[in-house]
Amino acid sequence: MIETTAHIKTEKQLVPALRFKEFDGDIEETLFGNHYSFHTTNSLSRDKLHYDKGEVRNIHYGDIHTKFQTHFYLTNEYVPFVNEDVDLSKIKEDSYCKVGDLVIADASEDYADIGKSIELIDINNVKLLAGLHTFLARPSSDKIALGYISCLLKSWKLRKQIMTIAQGTKVLSLSTGRVSNLKLNLPSLPEQQKIASFLSAVDEKIQQLTKKKALLEQYKKGAMQQLFSGQLRFKDKHGNNYPDWEEKRLGEVLIHKSTKNKALQVPLVLSVSNKKGFISQNEQFDGYEVASKDLSNYKIVNRDDIAYNPSRINVGSIARLINFEKGIVSPMYVVFSLKDGLDKIFFENLYNIHRFKHLIKVGCSGSVRDSLNFDDLCDFEFKFPSIKEQQKIATYLSSIDTKIGALNNQITQTQTFKKGLLQQMFV
C-alpha cells in the first residue's frame, strides 16, 4: 500500500510525497558518478546493422528514442545485428553490455529526448553492444537495485537536471562528466526494489493495452480491405443480398464548396492534422499566430464538411469537421460535402483504404507541386454499395473505432497515472 506523506523538505530531510507505508526515514542524496562507471561504446551507423541474423547485436540511439522500453528485455525488443564484415576484434570485453547497465542517448534534436535511457534487465546471454551516440553506464556500487535508476531518470527532478546540462544549438549533447554530477536520491535497496517493481507493473499494463490496441487496429485494417473490395458483404434484415455495387467517379457524389469569410463572421481558424483531424491553428502551431491578418478570403467549413490540404493529403491531412460547429481554413484548402446517398462515416473510412491512398500518391506525383486539386480527386473511381449497405459497413467499423478509442483512453489514463507517480515517489 502507498500512502501520502507530508512533503516536508529541509536541507537535512528528503521525504517523497508518496511512499510505501513500510518505509520511512531520510533518503540519501548522492551523485551518479559515485555509483556508475562509463564504458566504451561504438560509432556504427545504421548501414552497418541488419535484422537477419548474426552473432552480436547493437543498440542504436534512435531506437532508444523511438521504441525500446525503459526496462529492456532483449526477447521483447527488435534489436539489429552488426554486419559480419565489421571488425569487432578490438572491442574490449567490458564494452559488451551486462544486466543492470544503463544505455543513455547522449544526443538529440530536442529536450524531450536528450538523455533518454534504457536499463538492461535481461539480455538473454546475448552479445550486445551500445552504439553511436550512447553512453554505457555500469553500476559500480552495491547500493543500486535493478530497475530503479531508469525510473528515477524519468522523474521530473532528473529530467530538469539533464536538460540543464545539455549543450548545443541545433543538436543537444551530453558529456559523461556532466552526467556523473547528476544528483540522485537513493532510498534503501528494499524500497528501491519495491518502487521499481511497482512502476514496472504499470509499464506492463501500458504495454498490454498498447498491444491490444495495435491488434484491433490491424483487425480493422483487414476488415476494411475485405469490406471495401466487396469480398465481405452484409445482408438486409430479412437475410437478402443488397443490390450490386455501382462504379462511380467521386465527382458524382461530392459537392465542391468555396464560401468565403467575406463578412468576417467566422473567427475560428482551423487546420487539418494528419493525426488529429481538424484542430485550431492555435493548437497546431503551439500558440503562434500564422494565419493572415485578413481572413476575408478564408474558406468557411461547416460541421460534416470535409477538407484537405492539397500539398499534404499524401500524408493523410484530410478530415471531416466533427469537433467544431464552424470554422475557416486557408484559401489553399479544398472543401467539399457529400451528396445524399453517400454515408459520411463510410466515406471517412473509404479515404483510409490502401487503394484511395494509392490514387492520391499517383495523383500527386503527376503534379509539379506534389499536390492534389479537387478535379483530380473527382476523377477517382470506386464501386459504391447502396446507402443501406454503406450504413451497415459504417456502423460495423464505428464499433471497432469505439473499442480502439476506449483502449486509447485507458492508455492515456495509465500514462497520466504513471507520470503522477514519477512526480511524487521521487524527491
Protein backbone atom coordinates (compact mmCIF):
# COMPACT_ATOMS: atom_id res chain seq x y z
CA MET A 1 0.00 0.00 0.00
CA ILE A 2 1.18 3.52 -0.82
CA GLU A 3 0.33 6.37 1.47
CA THR A 4 0.68 10.12 1.14
CA THR A 5 3.15 11.77 3.46
CA ALA A 6 3.56 15.37 4.47
CA HIS A 7 6.10 16.59 1.93
CA ILE A 8 8.47 18.39 4.26
CA LYS A 9 11.85 19.11 2.73
CA THR A 10 14.72 20.77 4.50
CA GLU A 11 18.47 20.70 3.97
CA LYS A 12 18.70 17.60 6.18
CA GLN A 13 15.48 15.82 5.26
CA LEU A 14 14.38 14.24 1.98
CA VAL A 15 10.94 12.62 2.05
CA PRO A 16 8.78 11.83 -1.03
CA ALA A 17 5.14 12.90 -1.18
CA LEU A 18 4.07 9.32 -1.94
CA ARG A 19 5.67 6.35 -0.22
CA PHE A 20 5.02 2.72 0.61
CA LYS A 21 3.87 2.63 4.24
CA GLU A 22 6.55 0.19 5.44
CA PHE A 23 9.33 2.65 4.63
CA ASP A 24 10.31 5.82 6.46
CA GLY A 25 13.34 7.90 7.25
CA ASP A 26 15.56 10.13 5.15
CA ILE A 27 16.72 9.35 1.64
CA GLU A 28 20.39 9.65 0.75
CA GLU A 29 21.46 12.33 -1.71
CA THR A 30 24.43 11.29 -3.82
CA LEU A 31 25.96 11.70 -7.29
CA PHE A 32 25.51 9.50 -10.35
CA GLY A 33 29.26 9.12 -10.68
CA ASN A 34 29.51 7.61 -7.20
CA HIS A 35 27.52 4.59 -8.35
CA TYR A 36 28.19 4.23 -12.10
CA SER A 37 31.26 3.95 -14.30
CA PHE A 38 31.29 4.57 -18.06
CA HIS A 39 32.47 2.07 -20.67
CA THR A 40 33.39 2.46 -24.33
CA THR A 41 30.65 2.42 -26.97
CA ASN A 42 30.97 2.12 -30.77
CA SER A 43 30.05 4.51 -33.58
CA LEU A 44 28.37 2.11 -36.01
CA SER A 45 25.80 3.80 -38.26
CA ARG A 46 22.57 2.19 -39.45
CA ASP A 47 24.16 0.94 -42.66
CA LYS A 48 26.45 -1.29 -40.56
CA LEU A 49 23.44 -3.03 -38.98
CA HIS A 50 20.82 -5.50 -40.23
CA TYR A 51 17.90 -7.56 -38.91
CA ASP A 52 18.52 -11.03 -40.41
CA LYS A 53 20.89 -12.95 -38.15
CA GLY A 54 24.29 -12.62 -36.56
CA GLU A 55 26.49 -13.04 -33.52
CA VAL A 56 26.46 -9.55 -31.99
CA ARG A 57 23.55 -7.15 -31.55
CA ASN A 58 23.81 -3.37 -31.31
CA ILE A 59 21.67 -0.79 -29.52
CA HIS A 60 21.22 2.27 -31.75
CA TYR A 61 20.38 5.59 -30.08
CA GLY A 62 17.47 6.14 -32.48
CA ASP A 63 15.76 3.03 -31.12
CA ILE A 64 16.12 4.33 -27.57
CA HIS A 65 14.32 7.49 -28.69
CA THR A 66 11.52 5.72 -30.55
CA LYS A 67 10.76 2.17 -29.49
CA PHE A 68 12.72 0.49 -26.68
CA GLN A 69 11.03 0.12 -23.29
CA THR A 70 12.70 1.72 -20.25
CA HIS A 71 13.08 -1.72 -18.65
CA PHE A 72 14.80 -3.53 -21.51
CA TYR A 73 14.20 -7.25 -22.06
CA LEU A 74 16.04 -8.44 -25.18
CA THR A 75 13.41 -11.06 -26.03
CA ASN A 76 10.75 -8.32 -26.15
CA GLU A 77 12.70 -5.93 -28.37
CA TYR A 78 13.67 -5.86 -32.05
CA VAL A 79 17.42 -5.25 -31.91
CA PRO A 80 19.61 -5.23 -35.04
CA PHE A 81 22.74 -7.32 -35.62
CA VAL A 82 26.16 -5.94 -36.53
CA ASN A 83 27.13 -6.72 -40.13
CA GLU A 84 29.53 -9.64 -40.48
CA ASP A 85 32.12 -7.55 -42.33
CA VAL A 86 32.55 -5.23 -39.33
CA ASP A 87 35.77 -5.96 -37.41
CA LEU A 88 34.88 -6.37 -33.72
CA SER A 89 38.24 -7.79 -32.64
CA LYS A 90 39.25 -4.55 -30.92
CA ILE A 91 36.10 -4.40 -28.80
CA LYS A 92 37.08 -4.91 -25.16
CA GLU A 93 35.20 -7.45 -23.09
CA ASP A 94 33.93 -4.82 -20.64
CA SER A 95 32.41 -2.89 -23.57
CA TYR A 96 29.82 -5.63 -24.04
CA CYS A 97 26.59 -4.88 -22.19
CA LYS A 98 25.68 -6.56 -18.92
CA VAL A 99 22.45 -6.87 -16.94
CA GLY A 100 21.97 -3.69 -14.89
CA ASP A 101 23.72 -1.42 -17.39
CA LEU A 102 22.14 1.84 -18.46
CA VAL A 103 22.36 2.83 -22.13
CA ILE A 104 21.85 6.59 -22.37
CA ALA A 105 21.19 8.54 -25.58
CA ASP A 106 23.75 11.35 -25.47
CA ALA A 107 22.40 13.37 -28.43
CA SER A 108 19.01 14.66 -29.55
CA GLU A 109 17.45 17.47 -31.51
CA ASP A 110 15.08 18.36 -28.66
CA TYR A 111 15.00 18.48 -24.87
CA ALA A 112 12.25 15.86 -24.61
CA ASP A 113 14.59 13.06 -25.71
CA ILE A 114 18.03 14.18 -24.59
CA GLY A 115 19.40 11.74 -22.03
CA LYS A 116 16.64 9.22 -22.63
CA SER A 117 17.80 5.88 -21.26
CA ILE A 118 17.05 2.18 -21.02
CA GLU A 119 18.09 -0.23 -18.27
CA LEU A 120 19.09 -3.73 -19.28
CA ILE A 121 17.00 -6.10 -17.16
CA ASP A 122 17.53 -9.30 -19.19
CA ILE A 123 19.76 -9.65 -22.27
CA ASN A 124 19.29 -13.42 -22.66
CA ASN A 125 23.06 -14.12 -22.52
CA VAL A 126 23.46 -12.45 -25.92
CA LYS A 127 26.50 -10.42 -27.01
CA LEU A 128 25.19 -6.89 -27.05
CA LEU A 129 26.88 -3.54 -27.71
CA ALA A 130 25.86 0.06 -27.09
CA GLY A 131 26.29 2.08 -30.26
CA LEU A 132 26.50 5.50 -31.84
CA HIS A 133 25.54 8.50 -29.65
CA THR A 134 25.13 6.47 -26.46
CA PHE A 135 26.80 6.21 -23.07
CA LEU A 136 27.17 2.80 -21.44
CA ALA A 137 26.92 3.25 -17.66
CA ARG A 138 27.53 0.26 -15.38
CA PRO A 139 26.75 0.04 -11.64
CA SER A 140 29.93 0.34 -9.60
CA SER A 141 28.35 0.09 -6.15
CA ASP A 142 26.02 -2.32 -4.36
CA LYS A 143 23.51 0.40 -3.46
CA ILE A 144 21.56 0.23 -6.74
CA ALA A 145 18.53 -2.05 -7.17
CA LEU A 146 17.89 -3.46 -10.64
CA GLY A 147 15.25 -1.39 -12.44
CA TYR A 148 15.26 1.60 -10.08
CA ILE A 149 17.63 4.14 -11.63
CA SER A 150 15.95 4.06 -15.06
CA CYS A 151 12.68 5.03 -13.31
CA LEU A 152 14.42 7.77 -11.33
CA LEU A 153 15.91 9.18 -14.55
CA LYS A 154 12.38 9.67 -15.91
CA SER A 155 11.31 11.74 -12.88
CA TRP A 156 10.92 15.47 -13.41
CA LYS A 157 13.75 16.33 -10.99
CA LEU A 158 16.26 14.31 -13.03
CA ARG A 159 14.79 15.41 -16.37
CA LYS A 160 15.31 19.05 -15.33
CA GLN A 161 18.92 18.33 -14.38
CA ILE A 162 19.58 16.57 -17.70
CA MET A 163 18.04 19.40 -19.72
CA THR A 164 20.16 21.89 -17.78
CA ILE A 165 23.44 20.13 -18.57
CA ALA A 166 22.61 19.52 -22.26
CA GLN A 167 24.69 21.65 -24.62
CA GLY A 168 24.31 22.63 -28.25
CA THR A 169 22.10 24.64 -30.60
CA LYS A 170 20.76 22.51 -33.45
CA VAL A 171 21.74 19.23 -31.76
CA LEU A 172 21.87 18.83 -27.99
CA SER A 173 24.55 16.65 -26.43
CA LEU A 174 25.71 15.39 -23.04
CA SER A 175 29.12 14.58 -21.61
CA THR A 176 29.99 11.76 -19.20
CA GLY A 177 31.49 14.32 -16.83
CA ARG A 178 28.24 16.26 -16.58
CA VAL A 179 26.14 13.10 -16.26
CA SER A 180 28.43 11.95 -13.43
CA ASN A 181 27.43 15.05 -11.47
CA LEU A 182 23.68 14.39 -11.66
CA LYS A 183 22.23 14.38 -8.14
CA LEU A 184 20.46 11.14 -7.22
CA ASN A 185 18.26 10.50 -4.21
CA LEU A 186 18.57 6.86 -3.16
CA PRO A 187 16.31 5.16 -0.64
CA SER A 188 17.23 1.77 0.83
CA LEU A 189 17.61 -1.21 -1.52
CA PRO A 190 14.29 -2.80 -0.42
CA GLU A 191 12.46 0.47 -1.11
CA GLN A 192 14.18 0.85 -4.49
CA GLN A 193 13.16 -2.71 -5.38
CA LYS A 194 9.53 -2.11 -4.43
CA ILE A 195 9.34 1.14 -6.40
CA ALA A 196 10.95 -0.47 -9.47
CA SER A 197 8.60 -3.47 -9.28
CA PHE A 198 5.51 -1.27 -8.89
CA LEU A 199 6.41 1.02 -11.78
CA SER A 200 7.36 -1.98 -13.92
CA ALA A 201 3.86 -3.38 -13.36
CA VAL A 202 2.37 -0.06 -14.53
CA ASP A 203 4.60 -0.17 -17.64
CA GLU A 204 3.48 -3.73 -18.34
CA LYS A 205 -0.15 -2.62 -18.16
CA ILE A 206 0.56 0.16 -20.68
CA GLN A 207 2.34 -2.31 -22.98
CA GLN A 208 -0.56 -4.78 -22.81
CA LEU A 209 -3.10 -2.08 -23.64
CA THR A 210 -0.90 -0.76 -26.47
CA LYS A 211 -0.53 -4.25 -27.94
CA LYS A 212 -4.28 -4.85 -27.71
CA LYS A 213 -4.93 -1.55 -29.47
CA ALA A 214 -2.42 -2.39 -32.24
CA LEU A 215 -4.06 -5.79 -32.80
CA LEU A 216 -7.50 -4.17 -33.00
CA GLU A 217 -6.20 -1.57 -35.48
CA GLN A 218 -4.72 -4.39 -37.57
CA TYR A 219 -8.03 -6.25 -37.45
CA LYS A 220 -9.88 -3.15 -38.62
CA LYS A 221 -7.41 -2.69 -41.47
CA GLY A 222 -8.06 -6.25 -42.66
CA ALA A 223 -11.83 -5.85 -42.27
CA MET A 224 -11.76 -2.63 -44.32
CA GLN A 225 -9.84 -4.36 -47.09
CA GLN A 226 -12.50 -7.08 -47.32
CA LEU A 227 -15.48 -4.76 -46.93
CA PHE A 228 -14.43 -2.14 -49.48
CA SER A 229 -13.40 -4.77 -52.04
CA GLY A 230 -16.78 -6.47 -51.75
CA GLN A 231 -15.24 -9.75 -50.52
CA LEU A 232 -17.26 -9.42 -47.32
CA ARG A 233 -20.90 -8.41 -47.75
CA PHE A 234 -23.75 -7.64 -45.38
CA LYS A 235 -27.34 -8.80 -45.83
CA ASP A 236 -30.50 -6.88 -45.02
CA LYS A 237 -32.70 -7.62 -42.01
CA HIS A 238 -34.56 -10.29 -43.99
CA GLY A 239 -31.33 -12.10 -44.90
CA ASN A 240 -31.39 -10.93 -48.51
CA ASN A 241 -28.47 -9.55 -50.51
CA TYR A 242 -28.23 -5.83 -51.02
CA PRO A 243 -28.13 -4.53 -54.63
CA ASP A 244 -24.93 -4.87 -56.65
CA TRP A 245 -22.34 -2.15 -56.16
CA GLU A 246 -22.15 0.65 -58.74
CA GLU A 247 -18.93 2.14 -60.06
CA LYS A 248 -18.86 5.92 -59.82
CA ARG A 249 -16.44 8.79 -60.08
CA LEU A 250 -16.10 10.77 -56.86
CA GLY A 251 -17.18 13.81 -58.85
CA GLU A 252 -20.66 12.26 -58.97
CA VAL A 253 -21.01 12.15 -55.19
CA LEU A 254 -19.03 15.17 -53.91
CA ILE A 255 -20.07 18.85 -53.77
CA HIS A 256 -17.28 21.42 -54.03
CA LYS A 257 -17.61 24.33 -51.57
CA SER A 258 -15.73 27.62 -51.56
CA THR A 259 -17.81 30.04 -49.49
CA LYS A 260 -15.52 32.86 -48.41
CA ASN A 261 -15.49 34.54 -44.99
CA LYS A 262 -16.17 37.94 -46.60
CA ALA A 263 -18.21 39.36 -43.72
CA LEU A 264 -15.61 38.09 -41.21
CA GLN A 265 -18.44 36.35 -39.36
CA VAL A 266 -16.29 33.28 -38.54
CA PRO A 267 -13.18 33.97 -36.40
CA LEU A 268 -12.03 30.38 -35.68
CA VAL A 269 -9.06 29.45 -37.90
CA LEU A 270 -8.62 25.70 -38.33
CA SER A 271 -6.00 23.37 -39.79
CA VAL A 272 -6.20 19.70 -40.72
CA SER A 273 -3.71 17.48 -38.93
CA ASN A 274 -2.81 14.04 -40.28
CA LYS A 275 -3.26 12.57 -36.78
CA LYS A 276 -5.96 14.61 -35.02
CA GLY A 277 -8.13 15.79 -37.90
CA PHE A 278 -9.41 19.36 -37.57
CA ILE A 279 -7.63 21.37 -34.89
CA SER A 280 -7.39 25.07 -34.17
CA GLN A 281 -4.34 26.77 -35.64
CA ASN A 282 -3.51 27.87 -32.12
CA GLU A 283 -3.05 24.21 -31.17
CA GLN A 284 -1.40 23.28 -34.46
CA PHE A 285 1.34 25.89 -34.13
CA ASP A 286 1.77 25.98 -30.32
CA GLY A 287 0.09 29.34 -29.84
CA TYR A 288 1.86 31.13 -32.70
CA GLU A 289 -0.33 33.22 -34.99
CA VAL A 290 0.29 32.07 -38.57
CA ALA A 291 -2.99 32.98 -40.25
CA SER A 292 -3.20 36.03 -42.47
CA LYS A 293 -4.43 39.22 -40.77
CA ASP A 294 -7.09 39.46 -43.48
CA LEU A 295 -9.40 36.45 -43.00
CA SER A 296 -11.99 37.53 -45.58
CA ASN A 297 -10.54 35.22 -48.24
CA TYR A 298 -10.53 32.18 -45.97
CA LYS A 299 -12.99 29.38 -46.72
CA ILE A 300 -15.86 28.55 -44.36
CA VAL A 301 -16.15 24.95 -43.19
CA ASN A 302 -19.38 23.71 -41.57
CA ARG A 303 -19.92 20.64 -39.42
CA ASP A 304 -19.62 17.42 -41.50
CA ASP A 305 -17.84 19.21 -44.35
CA ILE A 306 -14.60 17.56 -45.43
CA ALA A 307 -11.40 19.49 -46.15
CA TYR A 308 -7.84 18.74 -47.09
CA ASN A 309 -4.58 20.49 -47.72
CA PRO A 310 -3.73 19.70 -51.40
CA SER A 311 0.00 19.54 -50.67
CA ARG A 312 -0.39 17.36 -47.55
CA ILE A 313 -3.19 14.97 -48.43
CA ASN A 314 -0.46 12.47 -49.39
CA VAL A 315 0.44 12.24 -45.67
CA GLY A 316 -3.17 11.96 -44.54
CA SER A 317 -4.18 15.59 -43.98
CA ILE A 318 -7.86 15.14 -44.84
CA ALA A 319 -10.70 15.14 -42.30
CA ARG A 320 -14.41 15.65 -41.62
CA LEU A 321 -15.31 18.53 -39.28
CA ILE A 322 -16.87 16.92 -36.21
CA ASN A 323 -15.40 18.71 -33.17
CA PHE A 324 -16.43 22.26 -34.14
CA GLU A 325 -19.68 23.67 -35.50
CA LYS A 326 -17.97 26.02 -37.92
CA GLY A 327 -14.55 27.38 -38.75
CA ILE A 328 -12.41 28.78 -41.55
CA VAL A 329 -9.42 27.32 -43.34
CA SER A 330 -6.68 28.75 -45.53
CA PRO A 331 -7.69 29.64 -49.09
CA MET A 332 -5.36 26.89 -50.33
CA TYR A 333 -7.55 24.17 -48.75
CA VAL A 334 -10.10 22.15 -50.70
CA VAL A 335 -13.51 21.97 -49.00
CA PHE A 336 -16.40 19.73 -50.04
CA SER A 337 -19.51 17.97 -48.73
CA LEU A 338 -21.22 14.71 -49.68
CA LYS A 339 -24.33 14.30 -51.79
CA ASP A 340 -27.31 12.32 -50.50
CA GLY A 341 -26.67 8.64 -51.00
CA LEU A 342 -23.13 8.72 -49.60
CA ASP A 343 -22.75 7.97 -45.89
CA LYS A 344 -20.27 10.28 -44.15
CA ILE A 345 -18.67 7.58 -41.97
CA PHE A 346 -18.49 5.20 -44.93
CA PHE A 347 -16.61 7.87 -46.89
CA GLU A 348 -14.28 8.63 -43.94
CA ASN A 349 -13.20 5.01 -43.97
CA LEU A 350 -13.00 4.94 -47.76
CA TYR A 351 -10.27 7.59 -47.85
CA ASN A 352 -8.22 5.47 -45.45
CA ILE A 353 -8.11 2.33 -47.58
CA HIS A 354 -4.98 1.36 -49.49
CA ARG A 355 -6.46 2.00 -52.97
CA PHE A 356 -7.54 5.54 -52.09
CA LYS A 357 -4.06 6.32 -50.74
CA HIS A 358 -2.50 4.82 -53.86
CA LEU A 359 -4.65 7.03 -56.10
CA ILE A 360 -3.61 10.07 -54.05
CA LYS A 361 0.05 9.12 -54.50
CA VAL A 362 -0.40 8.72 -58.25
CA GLY A 363 -2.38 11.97 -58.47
CA CYS A 364 0.24 13.92 -56.51
CA SER A 365 3.17 12.50 -58.46
CA GLY A 366 1.66 13.84 -61.66
CA SER A 367 1.71 17.38 -60.30
CA VAL A 368 4.56 19.85 -60.34
CA ARG A 369 3.84 20.83 -56.72
CA ASP A 370 3.08 17.30 -55.48
CA SER A 371 -0.47 18.34 -54.67
CA LEU A 372 -3.97 17.07 -55.45
CA ASN A 373 -6.64 19.52 -56.58
CA PHE A 374 -10.38 18.89 -56.42
CA ASP A 375 -10.68 17.97 -60.11
CA ASP A 376 -8.03 15.27 -59.66
CA LEU A 377 -9.92 13.92 -56.65
CA CYS A 378 -13.16 13.87 -58.63
CA ASP A 379 -11.57 11.55 -61.21
CA PHE A 380 -11.05 8.77 -58.64
CA GLU A 381 -13.34 5.79 -59.34
CA PHE A 382 -14.75 3.37 -56.78
CA LYS A 383 -17.55 0.85 -56.52
CA PHE A 384 -20.24 2.00 -54.10
CA PRO A 385 -22.84 -0.14 -52.32
CA SER A 386 -26.39 1.08 -51.67
CA ILE A 387 -26.81 3.62 -48.89
CA LYS A 388 -28.22 0.96 -46.54
CA GLU A 389 -25.22 -1.31 -47.03
CA GLN A 390 -22.92 1.71 -46.62
CA GLN A 391 -24.59 2.37 -43.27
CA LYS A 392 -24.11 -1.25 -42.22
CA ILE A 393 -20.40 -1.02 -43.08
CA ALA A 394 -20.12 2.32 -41.30
CA THR A 395 -21.82 1.01 -38.16
CA TYR A 396 -19.57 -2.06 -38.04
CA LEU A 397 -16.34 -0.07 -38.48
CA SER A 398 -17.52 2.56 -35.97
CA SER A 399 -18.00 -0.17 -33.36
CA ILE A 400 -14.33 -1.12 -33.82
CA ASP A 401 -13.32 2.55 -33.60
CA THR A 402 -15.22 2.83 -30.31
CA LYS A 403 -13.22 -0.07 -28.86
CA ILE A 404 -9.96 1.42 -30.13
CA GLY A 405 -10.91 4.78 -28.61
CA ALA A 406 -11.68 3.15 -25.24
CA LEU A 407 -8.28 1.44 -25.26
CA ASN A 408 -6.60 4.70 -26.19
CA ASN A 409 -8.29 6.41 -23.24
CA GLN A 410 -7.10 3.63 -20.91
CA ILE A 411 -3.55 4.04 -22.21
CA THR A 412 -3.68 7.81 -21.69
CA GLN A 413 -5.10 7.45 -18.17
CA THR A 414 -2.47 4.87 -17.20
CA GLN A 415 0.32 7.05 -18.62
CA THR A 416 -1.04 10.02 -16.64
CA PHE A 417 -1.16 7.84 -13.52
CA LYS A 418 2.46 6.83 -14.06
CA LYS A 419 3.50 10.45 -14.62
CA GLY A 420 1.93 11.34 -11.27
CA LEU A 421 3.81 8.51 -9.58
CA LEU A 422 7.12 9.68 -11.04
CA GLN A 423 6.48 13.16 -9.68
CA GLN A 424 5.51 12.03 -6.19
CA MET A 425 7.56 8.90 -5.46
CA PHE A 426 10.92 10.58 -6.04
CA VAL A 427 12.43 13.61 -4.31
